[in-house]
Amino acid sequence: MDLTVTTNHLAAAAADLVRLVPGKLIDPVLGGVLITADADGVVLGANDRERTARRSCAALVHADGQVLVPGKPLADTLRALTQPQVRLVVEGSRLAIRAEGARFALPLLEVSAHPGVGAAAGGGGSVPGALLAAALATVAASASRDEALPIFTGVRVRSEDSRLVLRATDRYRMTIASLPWVPGEPVDVMVPATLLAEVGRQVAGVGDVHLLAAENQLTLSWPDTTVTTAILDGSFLSETKLALSAVDTHIELDADTLAAATRRVALYSDSWGVIRLEVGDSEVRLRAADQHSGEAEESLKATVTDGRTSPSYRARYLLDALRPFAGTRIRLAIQPGMRATVITSVEPGEVEIRYILMPMLPPKS
């Protein structure tokens, strides 16, 4: 194999690939990148038996070939180079990375031991990449990071007529995002949130992203990139299983104003970071107190209807809930007791977000 390629393009492709498929540290082969060069250019592929990814890149190929090399060293080396072009050429048992005035050589791994990477996928339903990125930035962050409960580390991806609905929960909060969907085959799968978070970062600037579910896996593809992942097993907690019919208090106010006040008042919260949202006739008052920090309160103008239920929340969770609504006016639908609060935008955009937040016991006075 022998090829010349623009350094930045290949470095970006390698970096994206190793973030999508981090590999298995215990097995160098499963942490390797399969490089295939032919007349169409160069394709980088990775497969750790749970995920696969391939990323194509334009290149001037002098000699066809296929090699397997350690993935992270390849990405790190390419990222560190400042020369505009780089040449990859097999030299004995090494893949030489040559740039002007420099040479680096990676060991060749056994290609036959690698599980391989399938051809680029097509078909399925599609969503705009920018909207998918916006939805995943919120939803994936709401999934649990506790691997002991794997079902809560996933995002449920479900097509519902002309909308694609994403749901995630860590049991203390749930986020539901809905975005336009051009239907293909129906999709209803649980996918690791860590993978979808990375997909969201990579598709923000692309066109359409295609999704295809088949044989206990989900394939996502966008220009030059295809990713396949195994799906998670288990029964996902749906918002329909939460009691959301007992709302007795509705509040409308500016999300940024509430977030800023929450940050200030939370400086005086207890060790759990709990603050109380006291509801008045035309205002809400945030309160926090701690025997060591002192106490704080701040009043905000708001439109209040129906009851005056005054819940308490962990400030960190409330701030997370407000983040996707930055720059907008929001509606809080509050239920009495320890039932969930639903946060939505007064004027939803193309990506509709519903954030379901569980209250905490009020701080001790």
Protein backbone atom coordinates (compact mmCIF):
# COMPACT_ATOMS: atom_id res chain seq x y z
CA MET A 1 0.00 0.00 0.00
CA ASP A 2 1.21 3.48 -0.87
CA LEU A 3 -0.84 6.68 -0.84
CA THR A 4 -0.60 10.45 -0.40
CA VAL A 5 -3.35 12.40 1.35
CA THR A 6 -4.08 15.81 2.85
CA THR A 7 -2.99 15.59 6.47
CA ASN A 8 -5.92 17.47 8.00
CA HIS A 9 -8.47 15.32 6.18
CA LEU A 10 -6.91 12.03 7.22
CA ALA A 11 -6.29 13.26 10.77
CA ALA A 12 -9.95 14.24 11.13
CA ALA A 13 -11.10 10.89 9.74
CA ALA A 14 -8.86 8.92 12.12
CA ALA A 15 -9.86 11.02 15.13
CA ASP A 16 -13.57 10.63 14.39
CA LEU A 17 -13.17 6.89 13.93
CA VAL A 18 -11.40 6.19 17.22
CA ARG A 19 -13.97 8.27 19.11
CA LEU A 20 -16.80 6.26 17.57
CA VAL A 21 -15.07 2.94 18.24
CA PRO A 22 -12.62 3.34 21.15
CA GLY A 23 -11.57 -0.30 20.81
CA LYS A 24 -10.61 -2.90 23.39
CA LEU A 25 -7.41 -2.23 25.33
CA ILE A 26 -7.09 -5.93 26.17
CA ASP A 27 -7.00 -6.86 22.49
CA PRO A 28 -4.77 -4.79 20.17
CA VAL A 29 -6.56 -6.15 17.09
CA LEU A 30 -9.93 -4.80 18.30
CA GLY A 31 -8.27 -1.47 18.96
CA GLY A 32 -6.84 -1.34 15.47
CA VAL A 33 -7.78 0.69 12.42
CA LEU A 34 -8.16 -1.16 9.13
CA ILE A 35 -6.85 1.00 6.27
CA THR A 36 -7.98 0.08 2.78
CA ALA A 37 -6.62 1.94 -0.26
CA ASP A 38 -7.82 1.61 -3.84
CA ALA A 39 -8.63 3.74 -6.86
CA ASP A 40 -11.57 5.37 -5.01
CA GLY A 41 -9.39 6.68 -2.17
CA VAL A 42 -8.79 5.44 1.36
CA VAL A 43 -11.24 3.96 3.87
CA LEU A 44 -10.55 3.73 7.60
CA GLY A 45 -12.50 1.06 9.49
CA ALA A 46 -12.81 -0.16 13.08
CA ASN A 47 -14.69 -3.03 14.75
CA ASP A 48 -14.66 -3.98 18.45
CA ARG A 49 -17.44 -6.60 17.99
CA GLU A 50 -20.02 -4.26 19.56
CA ARG A 51 -19.59 -1.30 17.22
CA THR A 52 -18.25 -0.83 13.74
CA ALA A 53 -17.44 2.36 11.88
CA ARG A 54 -15.98 3.27 8.53
CA ARG A 55 -14.86 6.65 7.28
CA SER A 56 -13.78 7.37 3.71
CA CYS A 57 -11.32 10.04 2.62
CA ALA A 58 -10.08 11.24 -0.75
CA ALA A 59 -6.47 10.26 -1.47
CA LEU A 60 -3.98 9.78 -4.30
CA VAL A 61 -3.35 6.03 -4.20
CA HIS A 62 -0.08 4.89 -5.75
CA ALA A 63 -0.52 1.21 -4.83
CA ASP A 64 -3.63 -0.57 -3.55
CA GLY A 65 -3.51 -2.45 -0.28
CA GLN A 66 -4.99 -3.13 3.13
CA VAL A 67 -3.27 -2.98 6.53
CA LEU A 68 -4.25 -3.03 10.19
CA VAL A 69 -2.44 -0.69 12.60
CA PRO A 70 -2.98 0.48 16.21
CA GLY A 71 -5.78 3.07 16.12
CA LYS A 72 -4.94 5.59 18.81
CA PRO A 73 -1.24 5.98 17.86
CA LEU A 74 -2.32 6.54 14.25
CA ALA A 75 -4.80 9.25 15.24
CA ASP A 76 -2.39 10.90 17.68
CA THR A 77 0.43 10.99 15.14
CA LEU A 78 -1.70 12.49 12.39
CA ARG A 79 -3.14 15.09 14.75
CA ALA A 80 0.34 16.22 15.78
CA LEU A 81 1.58 16.79 12.22
CA THR A 82 1.67 20.32 10.79
CA GLN A 83 2.81 19.43 7.27
CA PRO A 84 0.03 19.84 4.66
CA GLN A 85 0.41 16.37 3.14
CA VAL A 86 1.33 12.97 4.46
CA ARG A 87 2.31 9.72 2.75
CA LEU A 88 1.41 6.28 4.06
CA VAL A 89 3.51 3.43 2.70
CA VAL A 90 4.12 -0.15 3.83
CA GLU A 91 7.77 -0.81 4.61
CA GLY A 92 8.29 -4.42 5.64
CA SER A 93 6.41 -5.04 8.90
CA ARG A 94 5.69 -1.33 9.44
CA LEU A 95 3.36 1.29 8.08
CA ALA A 96 5.49 4.37 7.57
CA ILE A 97 3.85 7.77 8.02
CA ARG A 98 6.02 10.14 6.05
CA ALA A 99 5.80 13.93 6.09
CA GLU A 100 8.35 16.52 5.02
CA GLY A 101 11.37 16.05 7.26
CA ALA A 102 9.78 13.34 9.40
CA ARG A 103 9.01 9.61 9.46
CA PHE A 104 6.94 7.59 11.93
CA ALA A 105 6.37 3.84 11.72
CA LEU A 106 3.52 1.82 13.20
CA PRO A 107 3.62 -1.97 13.56
CA LEU A 108 1.37 -3.97 11.23
CA LEU A 109 -1.20 -6.13 13.02
CA GLU A 110 -2.64 -9.37 11.64
CA VAL A 111 -5.42 -8.38 9.23
CA SER A 112 -6.91 -11.90 9.22
CA ALA A 113 -7.55 -11.66 12.98
CA HIS A 114 -9.69 -8.54 12.57
CA PRO A 115 -13.50 -9.05 12.38
CA GLY A 116 -13.64 -6.70 9.39
CA VAL A 117 -15.85 -3.77 8.49
CA GLY A 118 -18.86 -4.07 6.19
CA ALA A 119 -19.65 -1.95 3.19
CA ALA A 120 -21.18 1.48 3.56
CA ALA A 121 -24.89 1.26 4.34
CA GLY A 122 -27.73 3.09 2.66
CA GLY A 123 -31.49 3.38 2.94
CA GLY A 124 -33.60 3.77 6.06
CA GLY A 125 -35.36 6.85 7.33
CA SER A 126 -33.53 10.14 7.66
CA VAL A 127 -33.29 13.24 9.85
CA PRO A 128 -31.42 16.52 9.36
CA GLY A 129 -27.96 16.24 10.92
CA ALA A 130 -28.11 19.65 12.64
CA LEU A 131 -31.44 18.81 14.31
CA LEU A 132 -30.24 15.37 15.39
CA ALA A 133 -27.14 16.95 16.91
CA ALA A 134 -29.26 19.45 18.85
CA ALA A 135 -31.55 16.71 20.16
CA LEU A 136 -28.74 14.37 21.17
CA ALA A 137 -26.87 17.13 23.02
CA THR A 138 -29.77 17.19 25.48
CA VAL A 139 -31.07 13.63 25.48
CA ALA A 140 -27.78 11.71 25.67
CA ALA A 141 -26.70 13.82 28.64
CA SER A 142 -29.76 12.63 30.58
CA ALA A 143 -28.80 8.95 30.43
CA SER A 144 -27.20 7.26 33.40
CA ARG A 145 -23.47 6.57 33.52
CA ASP A 146 -23.89 3.66 35.92
CA GLU A 147 -22.89 0.55 33.96
CA ALA A 148 -24.47 -1.61 36.69
CA LEU A 149 -27.85 -0.60 35.21
CA PRO A 150 -27.14 -0.76 31.47
CA ILE A 151 -30.75 -0.12 30.38
CA PHE A 152 -30.52 3.40 31.83
CA THR A 153 -27.28 4.11 29.95
CA GLY A 154 -29.13 4.04 26.63
CA VAL A 155 -31.26 6.30 24.48
CA ARG A 156 -34.47 4.92 23.07
CA VAL A 157 -34.70 5.82 19.39
CA ARG A 158 -38.21 5.39 18.04
CA SER A 159 -39.90 6.52 14.82
CA GLU A 160 -43.47 7.73 15.33
CA ASP A 161 -45.14 8.66 12.05
CA SER A 162 -43.31 11.75 10.74
CA ARG A 163 -41.28 12.30 13.92
CA LEU A 164 -38.21 10.62 15.38
CA VAL A 165 -38.48 10.58 19.16
CA LEU A 166 -35.45 10.18 21.43
CA ARG A 167 -35.84 9.35 25.12
CA ALA A 168 -33.33 8.89 27.95
CA THR A 169 -33.54 8.71 31.73
CA ASP A 170 -31.31 8.13 34.74
CA ARG A 171 -34.41 7.59 36.95
CA TYR A 172 -34.20 11.11 38.41
CA ARG A 173 -35.00 12.89 35.16
CA MET A 174 -36.15 12.03 31.67
CA THR A 175 -35.67 13.93 28.43
CA ILE A 176 -37.83 13.48 25.35
CA ALA A 177 -36.84 15.12 22.07
CA SER A 178 -38.91 14.98 18.90
CA LEU A 179 -37.65 16.03 15.48
CA PRO A 180 -38.77 15.76 11.83
CA TRP A 181 -38.34 12.28 10.32
CA VAL A 182 -38.51 11.18 6.70
CA PRO A 183 -39.91 7.68 7.21
CA GLY A 184 -38.21 4.53 6.04
CA GLU A 185 -38.30 1.21 7.88
CA PRO A 186 -39.69 1.65 11.44
CA VAL A 187 -37.09 2.15 14.17
CA ASP A 188 -37.49 1.30 17.86
CA VAL A 189 -34.19 0.46 19.57
CA MET A 190 -32.15 1.23 22.66
CA VAL A 191 -28.68 2.54 21.77
CA PRO A 192 -25.73 3.36 24.09
CA ALA A 193 -25.88 7.05 24.97
CA THR A 194 -22.09 7.42 24.85
CA LEU A 195 -22.07 6.49 21.17
CA LEU A 196 -24.98 8.77 20.29
CA ALA A 197 -23.34 11.67 22.12
CA GLU A 198 -20.32 11.29 19.84
CA VAL A 199 -22.54 10.89 16.78
CA GLY A 200 -24.25 14.14 17.73
CA ARG A 201 -20.93 15.97 17.80
CA GLN A 202 -19.96 14.64 14.38
CA VAL A 203 -23.21 15.24 12.49
CA ALA A 204 -23.81 18.87 13.48
CA GLY A 205 -22.41 20.15 10.19
CA VAL A 206 -23.61 17.45 7.77
CA GLY A 207 -26.76 17.07 5.70
CA ASP A 208 -29.10 14.15 6.34
CA VAL A 209 -28.38 11.24 8.68
CA HIS A 210 -29.92 7.89 7.74
CA LEU A 211 -31.02 5.35 10.36
CA LEU A 212 -31.71 1.69 9.67
CA ALA A 213 -32.57 -0.91 12.33
CA ALA A 214 -32.07 -4.59 11.53
CA GLU A 215 -30.88 -7.81 13.19
CA ASN A 216 -30.46 -6.40 16.71
CA GLN A 217 -28.39 -3.48 15.54
CA LEU A 218 -28.75 0.11 14.41
CA THR A 219 -26.85 1.64 11.51
CA LEU A 220 -26.37 5.38 11.18
CA SER A 221 -24.83 6.84 8.06
CA TRP A 222 -24.00 10.30 6.77
CA PRO A 223 -21.64 11.51 4.05
CA ASP A 224 -18.33 9.56 4.19
CA THR A 225 -19.27 7.79 7.48
CA THR A 226 -21.20 4.68 8.54
CA VAL A 227 -21.59 3.49 12.15
CA THR A 228 -23.22 0.28 13.36
CA THR A 229 -23.89 -0.58 16.99
CA ALA A 230 -25.40 -3.45 18.90
CA ILE A 231 -28.58 -2.46 20.71
CA LEU A 232 -29.28 -2.73 24.43
CA ASP A 233 -31.74 -5.27 25.82
CA GLY A 234 -34.40 -4.54 28.38
CA SER A 235 -37.63 -2.65 29.00
CA PHE A 236 -37.27 1.11 28.88
CA LEU A 237 -39.15 3.32 31.32
CA SER A 238 -41.62 5.33 29.24
CA GLU A 239 -43.06 8.70 30.17
CA THR A 240 -46.48 7.08 29.86
CA LYS A 241 -45.63 5.13 33.03
CA LEU A 242 -45.13 8.34 34.98
CA ALA A 243 -48.11 10.04 36.60
CA LEU A 244 -48.39 13.28 34.61
CA SER A 245 -52.12 13.95 34.96
CA ALA A 246 -52.17 15.61 38.38
CA VAL A 247 -50.64 18.97 37.40
CA ASP A 248 -51.99 21.70 39.66
CA THR A 249 -49.51 24.55 39.06
CA HIS A 250 -48.40 26.16 35.80
CA ILE A 251 -45.57 28.69 35.60
CA GLU A 252 -44.22 30.62 32.63
CA LEU A 253 -40.94 32.54 32.85
CA ASP A 254 -37.64 33.17 31.07
CA ALA A 255 -35.32 30.15 31.10
CA ASP A 256 -32.10 32.19 31.21
CA THR A 257 -33.37 34.30 34.11
CA LEU A 258 -34.28 31.19 36.11
CA ALA A 259 -30.93 29.55 35.31
CA ALA A 260 -28.90 32.59 36.39
CA ALA A 261 -30.82 32.88 39.67
CA THR A 262 -30.43 29.14 40.30
CA ARG A 263 -26.65 29.42 39.97
CA ARG A 264 -26.51 32.28 42.46
CA VAL A 265 -28.86 30.81 45.05
CA ALA A 266 -27.28 27.35 44.80
CA LEU A 267 -24.07 28.79 46.26
CA TYR A 268 -25.90 28.66 49.60
CA SER A 269 -27.46 25.22 49.21
CA ASP A 270 -26.84 22.18 51.41
CA SER A 271 -24.45 19.34 50.62
CA TRP A 272 -27.02 17.86 48.21
CA GLY A 273 -27.31 21.14 46.33
CA VAL A 274 -31.09 21.34 46.94
CA ILE A 275 -32.98 24.58 46.35
CA ARG A 276 -36.68 25.34 46.86
CA LEU A 277 -38.92 26.98 44.25
CA GLU A 278 -41.62 28.85 46.17
CA VAL A 279 -44.58 29.84 43.99
CA GLY A 280 -46.41 33.12 44.58
CA ASP A 281 -49.20 34.97 42.76
CA SER A 282 -47.01 36.62 40.09
CA GLU A 283 -43.53 35.51 41.05
CA VAL A 284 -41.39 32.58 42.08
CA ARG A 285 -38.82 32.76 44.83
CA LEU A 286 -35.73 30.57 44.94
CA ARG A 287 -34.49 29.73 48.43
CA ALA A 288 -31.48 27.82 49.75
CA ALA A 289 -29.92 27.52 53.18
CA ASP A 290 -27.03 25.70 54.79
CA GLN A 291 -25.78 25.94 58.33
CA HIS A 292 -22.23 26.48 57.08
CA SER A 293 -22.81 28.58 53.96
CA GLY A 294 -25.68 30.73 55.18
CA GLU A 295 -28.88 31.41 53.27
CA ALA A 296 -30.06 33.05 50.06
CA GLU A 297 -33.28 33.92 48.28
CA GLU A 298 -34.11 35.59 44.97
CA SER A 299 -37.48 36.52 43.46
CA LEU A 300 -38.33 36.34 39.75
CA LYS A 301 -41.35 37.65 37.88
CA ALA A 302 -43.47 34.88 36.41
CA THR A 303 -46.92 34.08 35.10
CA VAL A 304 -48.55 31.71 37.59
CA THR A 305 -51.86 29.91 37.08
CA ASP A 306 -53.85 27.35 39.06
CA GLY A 307 -52.21 26.12 42.27
CA ARG A 308 -49.18 27.17 44.30
CA THR A 309 -47.28 23.89 44.67
CA SER A 310 -43.67 24.71 45.65
CA PRO A 311 -41.22 21.88 44.85
CA SER A 312 -37.51 21.48 45.62
CA TYR A 313 -34.89 20.32 43.14
CA ARG A 314 -31.22 19.55 42.99
CA ALA A 315 -29.77 22.70 41.50
CA ARG A 316 -27.51 20.72 39.15
CA TYR A 317 -30.44 18.82 37.69
CA LEU A 318 -32.52 21.96 37.33
CA LEU A 319 -29.69 23.70 35.48
CA ASP A 320 -29.32 20.69 33.17
CA ALA A 321 -33.05 20.84 32.49
CA LEU A 322 -32.93 24.54 31.63
CA ARG A 323 -29.90 24.34 29.33
CA PRO A 324 -31.71 23.17 26.15
CA PHE A 325 -34.22 26.01 26.57
CA ALA A 326 -31.62 28.79 26.65
CA GLY A 327 -32.89 32.00 25.08
CA THR A 328 -36.56 30.99 25.30
CA ARG A 329 -39.54 31.30 27.59
CA ILE A 330 -40.51 28.06 29.31
CA ARG A 331 -43.52 26.47 30.95
CA LEU A 332 -43.26 24.41 34.15
CA ALA A 333 -46.13 21.99 34.80
CA ILE A 334 -45.81 21.10 38.49
CA GLN A 335 -47.51 18.19 40.23
CA PRO A 336 -48.08 18.04 43.99
CA GLY A 337 -46.01 15.94 46.36
CA MET A 338 -43.02 14.05 45.01
CA ARG A 339 -44.40 13.78 41.48
CA ALA A 340 -42.53 14.94 38.38
CA THR A 341 -42.36 18.43 36.91
CA VAL A 342 -42.54 18.75 33.12
CA ILE A 343 -40.58 21.57 31.46
CA THR A 344 -41.38 22.61 27.90
CA SER A 345 -40.83 25.61 25.67
CA VAL A 346 -43.70 28.06 25.26
CA GLU A 347 -42.86 28.27 21.55
CA PRO A 348 -41.23 24.97 20.49
CA GLY A 349 -38.83 24.90 17.54
CA GLU A 350 -38.23 22.12 15.03
CA VAL A 351 -36.71 20.04 17.83
CA GLU A 352 -39.37 19.75 20.53
CA ILE A 353 -37.97 19.06 24.00
CA ARG A 354 -39.85 17.78 27.04
CA TYR A 355 -37.79 17.57 30.22
CA ILE A 356 -39.28 15.58 33.08
CA LEU A 357 -37.62 16.39 36.40
CA MET A 358 -38.20 14.61 39.70
CA PRO A 359 -38.31 16.82 42.83
CA MET A 360 -36.26 16.31 45.97
CA LEU A 361 -37.30 16.47 49.61
CA PRO A 362 -37.17 20.13 50.73
CA PRO A 363 -34.00 21.20 52.54
CA LYS A 364 -34.15 21.21 56.31
CA SER A 365 -34.57 24.67 57.77
